Amino acid sequence: MTQNNLIDFKKIDSQTPEVVVMDLRSEQETRKALQALQERKMVVLKLNRLSYDKAQRVVDWMAGGTHAIDGHTVWIGEQTFMFVPSSIQIAAPKTTIHPVSPRLSRRSVAGENSHSSPQSQKLEA
């Protein structure tokens, strides 16, 4: 008996890894990012166009989806995150890989304290 909703993970794992880069303008675009992650693609999200609360919500949603497939959340830079499925190996300093959803610093959100130094624009652990 064949079911149409089954995913052949062997086929997905053997494919060349793909990277989807998105510059989100709204929370609703998160669905496309989650779908790409479900298809075992790496997703890079730039969140600098979102308010602090919306950006944090997107990070939480994506980190939850990443955790569900045993993947990793990687902080790349100010308001930029990479969500990596378990089928893809990454090499990054341990301090940038988050097993759960990282917290955004309010100072790193566009339009809020834009004159702060780069050192103050980091994630809160």
C-alpha atoms as a PDB file:
ATOM      1  CA  MET A   1       0.000   0.000   0.000  1.00  0.00           C
ATOM      2  CA  THR A   2       1.475   3.359  -1.039  1.00  0.00           C
ATOM      3  CA  GLN A   3       0.933   6.570   0.912  1.00  0.00           C
ATOM      4  CA  ASN A   4       1.487   9.927  -0.760  1.00  0.00           C
ATOM      5  CA  ASN A   5       2.536  11.751   2.411  1.00  0.00           C
ATOM      6  CA  LEU A   6       5.714   9.721   3.031  1.00  0.00           C
ATOM      7  CA  ILE A   7       9.130  11.320   2.576  1.00  0.00           C
ATOM      8  CA  ASP A   8      12.020   9.232   1.298  1.00  0.00           C
ATOM      9  CA  PHE A   9      14.816  10.491   3.562  1.00  0.00           C
ATOM     10  CA  LYS A  10      17.449   8.424   1.750  1.00  0.00           C
ATOM     11  CA  LYS A  11      16.687  10.315  -1.428  1.00  0.00           C
ATOM     12  CA  ILE A  12      16.840  13.667   0.333  1.00  0.00           C
ATOM     13  CA  ASP A  13      20.123  12.881   2.123  1.00  0.00           C
ATOM     14  CA  SER A  14      21.830  11.874  -1.130  1.00  0.00           C
ATOM     15  CA  GLN A  15      21.022  15.168  -2.843  1.00  0.00           C
ATOM     16  CA  THR A  16      23.433  18.063  -3.023  1.00  0.00           C
ATOM     17  CA  PRO A  17      22.698  20.369  -0.077  1.00  0.00           C
ATOM     18  CA  GLU A  18      20.751  23.479  -0.996  1.00  0.00           C
ATOM     19  CA  VAL A  19      20.787  26.830   0.749  1.00  0.00           C
ATOM     20  CA  VAL A  20      17.725  29.074   0.778  1.00  0.00           C
ATOM     21  CA  VAL A  21      18.432  32.719   1.661  1.00  0.00           C
ATOM     22  CA  MET A  22      15.463  34.884   2.624  1.00  0.00           C
ATOM     23  CA  ASP A  23      15.235  38.538   3.630  1.00  0.00           C
ATOM     24  CA  LEU A  24      11.953  38.424   5.553  1.00  0.00           C
ATOM     25  CA  ARG A  25       9.596  41.370   5.366  1.00  0.00           C
ATOM     26  CA  SER A  26       6.765  39.752   7.346  1.00  0.00           C
ATOM     27  CA  GLU A  27       6.095  36.866   9.712  1.00  0.00           C
ATOM     28  CA  GLN A  28       3.948  35.159   7.071  1.00  0.00           C
ATOM     29  CA  GLU A  29       7.028  34.433   4.958  1.00  0.00           C
ATOM     30  CA  THR A  30       8.195  32.069   7.716  1.00  0.00           C
ATOM     31  CA  ARG A  31       5.998  29.311   6.237  1.00  0.00           C
ATOM     32  CA  LYS A  32       8.159  29.197   3.099  1.00  0.00           C
ATOM     33  CA  ALA A  33      11.281  29.008   5.245  1.00  0.00           C
ATOM     34  CA  LEU A  34       9.834  26.203   7.367  1.00  0.00           C
ATOM     35  CA  GLN A  35       8.815  24.315   4.231  1.00  0.00           C
ATOM     36  CA  ALA A  36      12.353  24.575   2.849  1.00  0.00           C
ATOM     37  CA  LEU A  37      13.722  23.326   6.174  1.00  0.00           C
ATOM     38  CA  GLN A  38      11.274  20.399   6.100  1.00  0.00           C
ATOM     39  CA  GLU A  39      12.658  19.566   2.647  1.00  0.00           C
ATOM     40  CA  ARG A  40      16.085  19.327   4.358  1.00  0.00           C
ATOM     41  CA  LYS A  41      17.450  22.550   2.870  1.00  0.00           C
ATOM     42  CA  MET A  42      19.634  24.953   4.844  1.00  0.00           C
ATOM     43  CA  VAL A  43      17.799  28.200   5.471  1.00  0.00           C
ATOM     44  CA  VAL A  44      19.479  31.561   6.051  1.00  0.00           C
ATOM     45  CA  LEU A  45      17.139  34.269   7.345  1.00  0.00           C
ATOM     46  CA  LYS A  46      17.881  37.969   7.462  1.00  0.00           C
ATOM     47  CA  LEU A  47      15.496  39.539   9.955  1.00  0.00           C
ATOM     48  CA  ASN A  48      16.591  43.179  10.000  1.00  0.00           C
ATOM     49  CA  ARG A  49      13.348  44.372   8.365  1.00  0.00           C
ATOM     50  CA  LEU A  50      11.217  42.983  11.214  1.00  0.00           C
ATOM     51  CA  SER A  51      10.467  44.511  14.605  1.00  0.00           C
ATOM     52  CA  TYR A  52      12.115  42.938  17.644  1.00  0.00           C
ATOM     53  CA  ASP A  53       8.984  40.999  18.674  1.00  0.00           C
ATOM     54  CA  LYS A  54       8.309  39.684  15.172  1.00  0.00           C
ATOM     55  CA  ALA A  55      11.952  38.747  14.624  1.00  0.00           C
ATOM     56  CA  GLN A  56      12.018  36.859  17.931  1.00  0.00           C
ATOM     57  CA  ARG A  57       8.808  35.034  17.001  1.00  0.00           C
ATOM     58  CA  VAL A  58      10.297  33.994  13.643  1.00  0.00           C
ATOM     59  CA  VAL A  59      13.481  32.747  15.346  1.00  0.00           C
ATOM     60  CA  ASP A  60      11.362  30.776  17.830  1.00  0.00           C
ATOM     61  CA  TRP A  61       9.263  29.182  15.073  1.00  0.00           C
ATOM     62  CA  MET A  62      12.291  28.303  12.972  1.00  0.00           C
ATOM     63  CA  ALA A  63      14.289  27.017  15.942  1.00  0.00           C
ATOM     64  CA  GLY A  64      11.335  24.804  16.907  1.00  0.00           C
ATOM     65  CA  GLY A  65      11.118  23.398  13.390  1.00  0.00           C
ATOM     66  CA  THR A  66      14.876  22.890  13.319  1.00  0.00           C
ATOM     67  CA  HIS A  67      14.831  21.131  16.686  1.00  0.00           C
ATOM     68  CA  ALA A  68      12.004  18.856  15.473  1.00  0.00           C
ATOM     69  CA  ILE A  69      14.246  17.487  12.712  1.00  0.00           C
ATOM     70  CA  ASP A  70      17.319  17.287  15.009  1.00  0.00           C
ATOM     71  CA  GLY A  71      18.971  20.214  13.257  1.00  0.00           C
ATOM     72  CA  HIS A  72      20.948  23.193  14.501  1.00  0.00           C
ATOM     73  CA  THR A  73      20.335  26.920  14.758  1.00  0.00           C
ATOM     74  CA  VAL A  74      23.418  29.007  13.945  1.00  0.00           C
ATOM     75  CA  TRP A  75      23.776  32.708  14.649  1.00  0.00           C
ATOM     76  CA  ILE A  76      25.652  34.175  11.687  1.00  0.00           C
ATOM     77  CA  GLY A  77      25.558  37.868  12.539  1.00  0.00           C
ATOM     78  CA  GLU A  78      23.347  40.737  13.501  1.00  0.00           C
ATOM     79  CA  GLN A  79      19.757  39.689  12.767  1.00  0.00           C
ATOM     80  CA  THR A  80      20.948  36.799  10.548  1.00  0.00           C
ATOM     81  CA  PHE A  81      20.457  33.126  11.396  1.00  0.00           C
ATOM     82  CA  MET A  82      21.068  29.838   9.643  1.00  0.00           C
ATOM     83  CA  PHE A  83      18.840  26.833  10.315  1.00  0.00           C
ATOM     84  CA  VAL A  84      20.521  23.571   9.360  1.00  0.00           C
ATOM     85  CA  PRO A  85      18.887  20.119   9.105  1.00  0.00           C
ATOM     86  CA  SER A  86      20.677  17.163  10.673  1.00  0.00           C
ATOM     87  CA  SER A  87      21.523  15.768   7.232  1.00  0.00           C
ATOM     88  CA  ILE A  88      24.019  18.611   6.696  1.00  0.00           C
ATOM     89  CA  GLN A  89      27.252  18.875   8.683  1.00  0.00           C
ATOM     90  CA  ILE A  90      28.411  22.353   9.618  1.00  0.00           C
ATOM     91  CA  ALA A  91      31.673  23.644  11.016  1.00  0.00           C
ATOM     92  CA  ALA A  92      31.181  26.646  13.290  1.00  0.00           C
ATOM     93  CA  PRO A  93      32.442  27.835  16.664  1.00  0.00           C
ATOM     94  CA  LYS A  94      30.439  26.194  19.450  1.00  0.00           C
ATOM     95  CA  THR A  95      29.276  29.603  20.692  1.00  0.00           C
ATOM     96  CA  THR A  96      27.244  30.221  17.526  1.00  0.00           C
ATOM     97  CA  ILE A  97      25.351  26.911  17.498  1.00  0.00           C
ATOM     98  CA  HIS A  98      22.165  26.963  19.578  1.00  0.00           C
ATOM     99  CA  PRO A  99      20.264  23.761  20.402  1.00  0.00           C
ATOM    100  CA  VAL A 100      17.150  25.765  21.207  1.00  0.00           C
ATOM    101  CA  SER A 101      15.846  29.186  20.202  1.00  0.00           C
ATOM    102  CA  PRO A 102      18.352  31.984  20.876  1.00  0.00           C
ATOM    103  CA  ARG A 103      17.165  35.267  22.344  1.00  0.00           C
ATOM    104  CA  LEU A 104      17.649  38.405  20.282  1.00  0.00           C
ATOM    105  CA  SER A 105      19.201  41.438  21.904  1.00  0.00           C
ATOM    106  CA  ARG A 106      16.900  44.458  21.704  1.00  0.00           C
ATOM    107  CA  ARG A 107      19.912  46.574  20.762  1.00  0.00           C
ATOM    108  CA  SER A 108      20.487  44.575  17.584  1.00  0.00           C
ATOM    109  CA  VAL A 109      17.077  45.333  16.082  1.00  0.00           C
ATOM    110  CA  ALA A 110      17.057  47.849  13.239  1.00  0.00           C
ATOM    111  CA  GLY A 111      15.898  51.266  14.293  1.00  0.00           C
ATOM    112  CA  GLU A 112      16.553  50.670  17.972  1.00  0.00           C
ATOM    113  CA  ASN A 113      19.814  52.131  19.246  1.00  0.00           C
ATOM    114  CA  SER A 114      21.421  52.041  15.808  1.00  0.00           C
ATOM    115  CA  HIS A 115      24.526  53.825  17.150  1.00  0.00           C
ATOM    116  CA  SER A 116      25.548  51.010  19.490  1.00  0.00           C
ATOM    117  CA  SER A 117      28.877  49.280  19.042  1.00  0.00           C
ATOM    118  CA  PRO A 118      29.092  45.927  17.213  1.00  0.00           C
ATOM    119  CA  GLN A 119      30.125  44.257  20.470  1.00  0.00           C
ATOM    120  CA  SER A 120      26.811  45.207  22.086  1.00  0.00           C
ATOM    121  CA  GLN A 121      24.865  43.698  19.185  1.00  0.00           C
ATOM    122  CA  LYS A 122      24.998  40.064  20.222  1.00  0.00           C
ATOM    123  CA  LEU A 123      22.508  37.437  21.210  1.00  0.00           C
ATOM    124  CA  GLU A 124      21.575  36.886  24.789  1.00  0.00           C
ATOM    125  CA  ALA A 125      22.235  33.271  25.728  1.00  0.00           C
END
